[in-house]
Amino acid sequence: MALNTKEKTIALISNGIAIYSLYQKQGSLPENITMFDFILKVIPDDIKPELSADLIDEVFEYVSTTHSS
């Protein structure tokens, strides 16, 4: 079963959050780059129409609460 575009978007956002967190811990992020900016850079152009700040927030909230419990 292939993933639909929304599922791919969620997977890429989650991956972007994980990579951003790792880079942040290592201190290897450029100055003044937000998680939103980072995710926008790593999402492929064909997926960007599905991307929204609300979806990024929702995925971040879910990942954060899941890992903190």
N, C-alpha and C. Protein backbone atom coordinates (compact mmCIF):
# COMPACT_ATOMS: atom_id res chain seq x y z
N MET A 1 0.83 -1.18 0.00
CA MET A 1 0.00 0.00 0.00
C MET A 1 0.88 1.25 0.00
N ALA A 2 0.67 2.11 -0.94
CA ALA A 2 1.47 3.34 -1.06
C ALA A 2 0.89 4.44 -0.17
N LEU A 3 1.77 5.28 0.32
CA LEU A 3 1.33 6.41 1.13
C LEU A 3 0.68 7.47 0.24
N ASN A 4 -0.35 8.12 0.78
CA ASN A 4 -0.92 9.24 0.02
C ASN A 4 -0.10 10.49 0.34
N THR A 5 -0.39 11.59 -0.35
CA THR A 5 0.40 12.81 -0.22
C THR A 5 0.38 13.36 1.20
N LYS A 6 -0.76 13.32 1.87
CA LYS A 6 -0.86 13.82 3.24
C LYS A 6 0.02 12.99 4.18
N GLU A 7 0.01 11.69 4.01
CA GLU A 7 0.84 10.82 4.85
C GLU A 7 2.32 11.06 4.60
N LYS A 8 2.69 11.27 3.35
CA LYS A 8 4.08 11.60 3.02
C LYS A 8 4.48 12.92 3.67
N THR A 9 3.58 13.90 3.62
CA THR A 9 3.86 15.20 4.21
C THR A 9 4.10 15.07 5.71
N ILE A 10 3.25 14.32 6.39
CA ILE A 10 3.39 14.12 7.83
C ILE A 10 4.71 13.42 8.15
N ALA A 11 5.07 12.42 7.37
CA ALA A 11 6.33 11.70 7.59
C ALA A 11 7.52 12.64 7.39
N LEU A 12 7.48 13.48 6.37
CA LEU A 12 8.57 14.41 6.11
C LEU A 12 8.66 15.49 7.19
N ILE A 13 7.53 15.97 7.68
CA ILE A 13 7.53 16.95 8.77
C ILE A 13 8.16 16.32 10.01
N SER A 14 7.75 15.11 10.35
CA SER A 14 8.29 14.42 11.51
C SER A 14 9.80 14.24 11.39
N ASN A 15 10.23 13.84 10.22
CA ASN A 15 11.66 13.67 9.97
C ASN A 15 12.38 15.02 10.09
N GLY A 16 11.79 16.07 9.54
CA GLY A 16 12.38 17.40 9.63
C GLY A 16 12.52 17.87 11.07
N ILE A 17 11.52 17.59 11.89
CA ILE A 17 11.57 17.94 13.31
C ILE A 17 12.71 17.19 14.00
N ALA A 18 12.85 15.92 13.70
CA ALA A 18 13.91 15.11 14.30
C ALA A 18 15.29 15.63 13.91
N ILE A 19 15.48 15.91 12.63
CA ILE A 19 16.77 16.40 12.16
C ILE A 19 17.07 17.78 12.75
N TYR A 20 16.07 18.64 12.77
CA TYR A 20 16.24 19.97 13.36
C TYR A 20 16.68 19.85 14.82
N SER A 21 16.05 18.95 15.57
CA SER A 21 16.40 18.76 16.97
C SER A 21 17.83 18.26 17.14
N LEU A 22 18.23 17.33 16.29
CA LEU A 22 19.61 16.83 16.35
C LEU A 22 20.61 17.93 16.04
N TYR A 23 20.37 18.68 14.97
CA TYR A 23 21.26 19.78 14.61
C TYR A 23 21.30 20.83 15.71
N GLN A 24 20.16 21.07 16.34
CA GLN A 24 20.09 22.06 17.42
C GLN A 24 20.96 21.61 18.60
N LYS A 25 20.88 20.33 18.95
CA LYS A 25 21.70 19.80 20.05
C LYS A 25 23.18 19.88 19.73
N GLN A 26 23.53 19.66 18.46
CA GLN A 26 24.93 19.69 18.04
C GLN A 26 25.44 21.12 17.83
N GLY A 27 24.53 22.06 17.81
CA GLY A 27 24.92 23.45 17.56
C GLY A 27 25.33 23.71 16.12
N SER A 28 24.80 22.90 15.20
CA SER A 28 25.21 23.03 13.81
C SER A 28 24.14 23.65 12.90
N LEU A 29 23.17 24.33 13.50
CA LEU A 29 22.16 25.05 12.70
C LEU A 29 22.66 26.45 12.41
N PRO A 30 22.32 26.98 11.24
CA PRO A 30 22.63 28.38 11.00
C PRO A 30 21.89 29.26 12.00
N GLU A 31 22.44 30.43 12.30
CA GLU A 31 21.78 31.33 13.24
C GLU A 31 20.43 31.78 12.71
N ASN A 32 19.53 31.98 13.62
CA ASN A 32 18.19 32.53 13.33
C ASN A 32 17.34 31.67 12.41
N ILE A 33 17.57 30.38 12.32
CA ILE A 33 16.68 29.52 11.52
C ILE A 33 15.69 28.87 12.48
N THR A 34 14.43 29.03 12.15
CA THR A 34 13.39 28.42 12.98
C THR A 34 13.10 27.02 12.47
N MET A 35 12.39 26.28 13.28
CA MET A 35 11.99 24.94 12.86
C MET A 35 11.13 25.01 11.59
N PHE A 36 10.25 26.01 11.53
CA PHE A 36 9.40 26.17 10.35
C PHE A 36 10.25 26.41 9.10
N ASP A 37 11.23 27.31 9.20
CA ASP A 37 12.10 27.59 8.06
C ASP A 37 12.86 26.33 7.63
N PHE A 38 13.36 25.60 8.63
CA PHE A 38 14.10 24.38 8.34
C PHE A 38 13.23 23.37 7.61
N ILE A 39 12.02 23.17 8.10
CA ILE A 39 11.11 22.21 7.46
C ILE A 39 10.79 22.64 6.04
N LEU A 40 10.57 23.93 5.83
CA LEU A 40 10.30 24.42 4.47
C LEU A 40 11.44 24.12 3.53
N LYS A 41 12.68 24.13 4.04
CA LYS A 41 13.85 23.84 3.20
C LYS A 41 13.99 22.36 2.87
N VAL A 42 13.54 21.49 3.77
CA VAL A 42 13.75 20.06 3.54
C VAL A 42 12.58 19.35 2.86
N ILE A 43 11.44 20.02 2.77
CA ILE A 43 10.27 19.42 2.12
C ILE A 43 10.41 19.56 0.61
N PRO A 44 10.26 18.48 -0.14
CA PRO A 44 10.33 18.58 -1.60
C PRO A 44 9.22 19.48 -2.16
N ASP A 45 9.51 20.14 -3.26
CA ASP A 45 8.57 21.09 -3.86
C ASP A 45 7.21 20.47 -4.18
N ASP A 46 7.19 19.21 -4.59
CA ASP A 46 5.91 18.59 -4.97
C ASP A 46 5.02 18.31 -3.76
N ILE A 47 5.58 18.37 -2.56
CA ILE A 47 4.82 18.13 -1.33
C ILE A 47 4.37 19.44 -0.70
N LYS A 48 5.02 20.54 -1.01
CA LYS A 48 4.75 21.83 -0.35
C LYS A 48 3.29 22.29 -0.41
N PRO A 49 2.53 21.99 -1.46
CA PRO A 49 1.12 22.41 -1.44
C PRO A 49 0.32 21.82 -0.27
N GLU A 50 0.73 20.68 0.25
CA GLU A 50 0.04 20.05 1.38
C GLU A 50 0.49 20.62 2.72
N LEU A 51 1.59 21.37 2.72
CA LEU A 51 2.20 21.87 3.94
C LEU A 51 1.49 23.10 4.47
N SER A 52 1.31 23.15 5.78
CA SER A 52 0.74 24.34 6.42
C SER A 52 1.34 24.47 7.81
N ALA A 53 1.32 25.69 8.33
CA ALA A 53 1.82 25.92 9.68
C ALA A 53 1.02 25.11 10.70
N ASP A 54 -0.28 25.01 10.47
CA ASP A 54 -1.13 24.23 11.39
C ASP A 54 -0.74 22.75 11.40
N LEU A 55 -0.43 22.20 10.24
CA LEU A 55 -0.04 20.79 10.17
C LEU A 55 1.31 20.59 10.86
N ILE A 56 2.26 21.51 10.64
CA ILE A 56 3.56 21.42 11.32
C ILE A 56 3.35 21.47 12.83
N ASP A 57 2.53 22.41 13.29
CA ASP A 57 2.24 22.53 14.74
C ASP A 57 1.62 21.25 15.28
N GLU A 58 0.67 20.70 14.54
CA GLU A 58 -0.01 19.49 14.99
C GLU A 58 0.95 18.31 15.10
N VAL A 59 1.81 18.13 14.09
CA VAL A 59 2.78 17.04 14.12
C VAL A 59 3.78 17.27 15.26
N PHE A 60 4.25 18.51 15.42
CA PHE A 60 5.20 18.82 16.49
C PHE A 60 4.60 18.55 17.86
N GLU A 61 3.37 18.97 18.05
CA GLU A 61 2.69 18.74 19.33
C GLU A 61 2.56 17.23 19.61
N TYR A 62 2.15 16.48 18.60
CA TYR A 62 2.00 15.04 18.76
C TYR A 62 3.34 14.38 19.10
N VAL A 63 4.37 14.71 18.33
CA VAL A 63 5.69 14.11 18.56
C VAL A 63 6.21 14.48 19.93
N SER A 64 6.05 15.75 20.30
CA SER A 64 6.55 16.22 21.61
C SER A 64 5.86 15.52 22.77
N THR A 65 4.53 15.43 22.70
CA THR A 65 3.82 14.80 23.81
C THR A 65 4.04 13.29 23.86
N THR A 66 4.23 12.69 22.71
CA THR A 66 4.47 11.24 22.66
C THR A 66 5.83 10.91 23.26
N HIS A 67 6.85 11.71 22.95
CA HIS A 67 8.20 11.44 23.46
C HIS A 67 8.37 11.85 24.91
N SER A 68 7.52 12.73 25.41
CA SER A 68 7.68 13.19 26.79
C SER A 68 6.94 12.30 27.79
N SER A 69 6.13 11.38 27.30
CA SER A 69 5.37 10.55 28.25
C SER A 69 6.04 9.21 28.49
